[in-house]
Amino acid sequence: MEDIKNIALDIMEEICETDEIRDDLDLDLIDAGFIDSLSTINIILLIEEKLNITLQPTDIQKENISTVNNLISFLEGKVQQSHD
């Protein structure tokens, strides 16, 4: 699912305002100060826009967006659910 990986990278790069996140996909973006509560809402909006799916704020947990790899796994699951 290379497309999902690229979408996740694009979302996080836009939210974090740096391409530094591409160097370490397991970097904890919350601990590093790149993501806060407002960022979470923006991440949800970007996911909905780019994947054409609807999410509720309760659909995303902090762990789902703490790293790029976690976001990739989360998105793969959501895309799979939308196809079921």
C-alpha atoms as a PDB file:
ATOM      1  CA  MET A   1       0.000   0.000   0.000  1.00  0.00           C
ATOM      2  CA  GLU A   2       2.557   2.515  -1.160  1.00  0.00           C
ATOM      3  CA  ASP A   3      -0.184   5.068  -1.833  1.00  0.00           C
ATOM      4  CA  ILE A   4      -1.261   4.978   1.825  1.00  0.00           C
ATOM      5  CA  LYS A   5       2.337   5.485   2.899  1.00  0.00           C
ATOM      6  CA  ASN A   6       2.674   8.525   0.645  1.00  0.00           C
ATOM      7  CA  ILE A   7      -0.649   9.934   1.831  1.00  0.00           C
ATOM      8  CA  ALA A   8       0.398   9.471   5.470  1.00  0.00           C
ATOM      9  CA  LEU A   9       3.750  11.146   4.798  1.00  0.00           C
ATOM     10  CA  ASP A  10       2.077  14.041   2.990  1.00  0.00           C
ATOM     11  CA  ILE A  11      -0.419  14.549   5.826  1.00  0.00           C
ATOM     12  CA  MET A  12       2.219  14.476   8.540  1.00  0.00           C
ATOM     13  CA  GLU A  13       4.604  16.677   6.569  1.00  0.00           C
ATOM     14  CA  GLU A  14       1.839  19.258   6.154  1.00  0.00           C
ATOM     15  CA  ILE A  15       0.808  19.082   9.825  1.00  0.00           C
ATOM     16  CA  CYS A  16       4.364  19.102  11.201  1.00  0.00           C
ATOM     17  CA  GLU A  17       5.532  21.677   8.657  1.00  0.00           C
ATOM     18  CA  THR A  18       8.766  19.794   8.065  1.00  0.00           C
ATOM     19  CA  ASP A  19      10.069  17.007   5.844  1.00  0.00           C
ATOM     20  CA  GLU A  20      12.218  15.878   8.783  1.00  0.00           C
ATOM     21  CA  ILE A  21       9.549  13.284   9.570  1.00  0.00           C
ATOM     22  CA  ARG A  22      10.529  11.334   6.446  1.00  0.00           C
ATOM     23  CA  ASP A  23      13.889  10.488   8.038  1.00  0.00           C
ATOM     24  CA  ASP A  24      12.402   8.471  10.916  1.00  0.00           C
ATOM     25  CA  LEU A  25       8.942   6.995  10.441  1.00  0.00           C
ATOM     26  CA  ASP A  26       8.947   5.823  14.078  1.00  0.00           C
ATOM     27  CA  LEU A  27       9.731   9.232  15.568  1.00  0.00           C
ATOM     28  CA  ASP A  28       7.137  10.028  18.248  1.00  0.00           C
ATOM     29  CA  LEU A  29       5.702  13.229  16.801  1.00  0.00           C
ATOM     30  CA  ILE A  30       3.725  14.023  19.939  1.00  0.00           C
ATOM     31  CA  ASP A  31       6.738  13.750  22.251  1.00  0.00           C
ATOM     32  CA  ALA A  32       8.822  15.719  19.738  1.00  0.00           C
ATOM     33  CA  GLY A  33       6.263  18.538  19.899  1.00  0.00           C
ATOM     34  CA  PHE A  34       5.124  18.326  16.274  1.00  0.00           C
ATOM     35  CA  ILE A  35       1.530  17.291  17.075  1.00  0.00           C
ATOM     36  CA  ASP A  36      -0.894  18.781  19.590  1.00  0.00           C
ATOM     37  CA  SER A  37      -4.670  18.533  20.083  1.00  0.00           C
ATOM     38  CA  LEU A  38      -5.414  21.061  17.315  1.00  0.00           C
ATOM     39  CA  SER A  39      -3.191  19.085  14.962  1.00  0.00           C
ATOM     40  CA  THR A  40      -5.309  16.002  15.624  1.00  0.00           C
ATOM     41  CA  ILE A  41      -8.404  17.718  14.220  1.00  0.00           C
ATOM     42  CA  ASN A  42      -6.435  18.852  11.173  1.00  0.00           C
ATOM     43  CA  ILE A  43      -5.137  15.310  10.654  1.00  0.00           C
ATOM     44  CA  ILE A  44      -8.723  13.996  10.688  1.00  0.00           C
ATOM     45  CA  LEU A  45      -9.782  16.615   8.138  1.00  0.00           C
ATOM     46  CA  LEU A  46      -6.869  15.801   5.839  1.00  0.00           C
ATOM     47  CA  ILE A  47      -7.533  12.055   6.079  1.00  0.00           C
ATOM     48  CA  GLU A  48     -11.168  12.626   5.156  1.00  0.00           C
ATOM     49  CA  GLU A  49     -10.180  14.850   2.250  1.00  0.00           C
ATOM     50  CA  LYS A  50      -7.432  12.649   0.827  1.00  0.00           C
ATOM     51  CA  LEU A  51      -9.107   9.263   1.320  1.00  0.00           C
ATOM     52  CA  ASN A  52     -12.725  10.334   0.873  1.00  0.00           C
ATOM     53  CA  ILE A  53     -13.803   8.651   4.107  1.00  0.00           C
ATOM     54  CA  THR A  54     -15.656  10.000   7.134  1.00  0.00           C
ATOM     55  CA  LEU A  55     -14.095   9.844  10.587  1.00  0.00           C
ATOM     56  CA  GLN A  56     -15.328  10.785  14.007  1.00  0.00           C
ATOM     57  CA  PRO A  57     -12.876  12.381  16.446  1.00  0.00           C
ATOM     58  CA  THR A  58     -13.305   9.274  18.599  1.00  0.00           C
ATOM     59  CA  ASP A  59     -12.069   7.083  15.708  1.00  0.00           C
ATOM     60  CA  ILE A  60      -8.508   8.296  16.225  1.00  0.00           C
ATOM     61  CA  GLN A  61      -6.491   7.613  19.335  1.00  0.00           C
ATOM     62  CA  LYS A  62      -3.258   9.377  20.211  1.00  0.00           C
ATOM     63  CA  GLU A  63      -1.322   6.198  19.442  1.00  0.00           C
ATOM     64  CA  ASN A  64      -2.746   6.118  15.891  1.00  0.00           C
ATOM     65  CA  ILE A  65      -1.009   9.375  14.995  1.00  0.00           C
ATOM     66  CA  SER A  66       2.034   9.385  17.260  1.00  0.00           C
ATOM     67  CA  THR A  67       4.301   8.152  14.446  1.00  0.00           C
ATOM     68  CA  VAL A  68       4.075   8.034  10.661  1.00  0.00           C
ATOM     69  CA  ASN A  69       4.181   4.233  10.763  1.00  0.00           C
ATOM     70  CA  ASN A  70       1.263   4.186  13.223  1.00  0.00           C
ATOM     71  CA  LEU A  71      -0.715   6.473  10.926  1.00  0.00           C
ATOM     72  CA  ILE A  72       0.045   4.216   7.951  1.00  0.00           C
ATOM     73  CA  SER A  73      -1.292   1.182   9.860  1.00  0.00           C
ATOM     74  CA  PHE A  74      -4.365   3.125  10.974  1.00  0.00           C
ATOM     75  CA  LEU A  75      -5.105   4.312   7.429  1.00  0.00           C
ATOM     76  CA  GLU A  76      -4.646   0.831   5.954  1.00  0.00           C
ATOM     77  CA  GLY A  77      -7.213  -0.463   8.447  1.00  0.00           C
ATOM     78  CA  LYS A  78      -9.679   2.327   7.664  1.00  0.00           C
ATOM     79  CA  VAL A  79      -9.335   1.854   3.905  1.00  0.00           C
ATOM     80  CA  GLN A  80      -9.858  -1.904   4.350  1.00  0.00           C
ATOM     81  CA  GLN A  81     -13.002  -1.248   6.454  1.00  0.00           C
ATOM     82  CA  SER A  82     -14.399   1.097   3.825  1.00  0.00           C
ATOM     83  CA  HIS A  83     -14.028  -1.630   1.181  1.00  0.00           C
ATOM     84  CA  ASP A  84     -15.764  -4.314   3.295  1.00  0.00           C
END
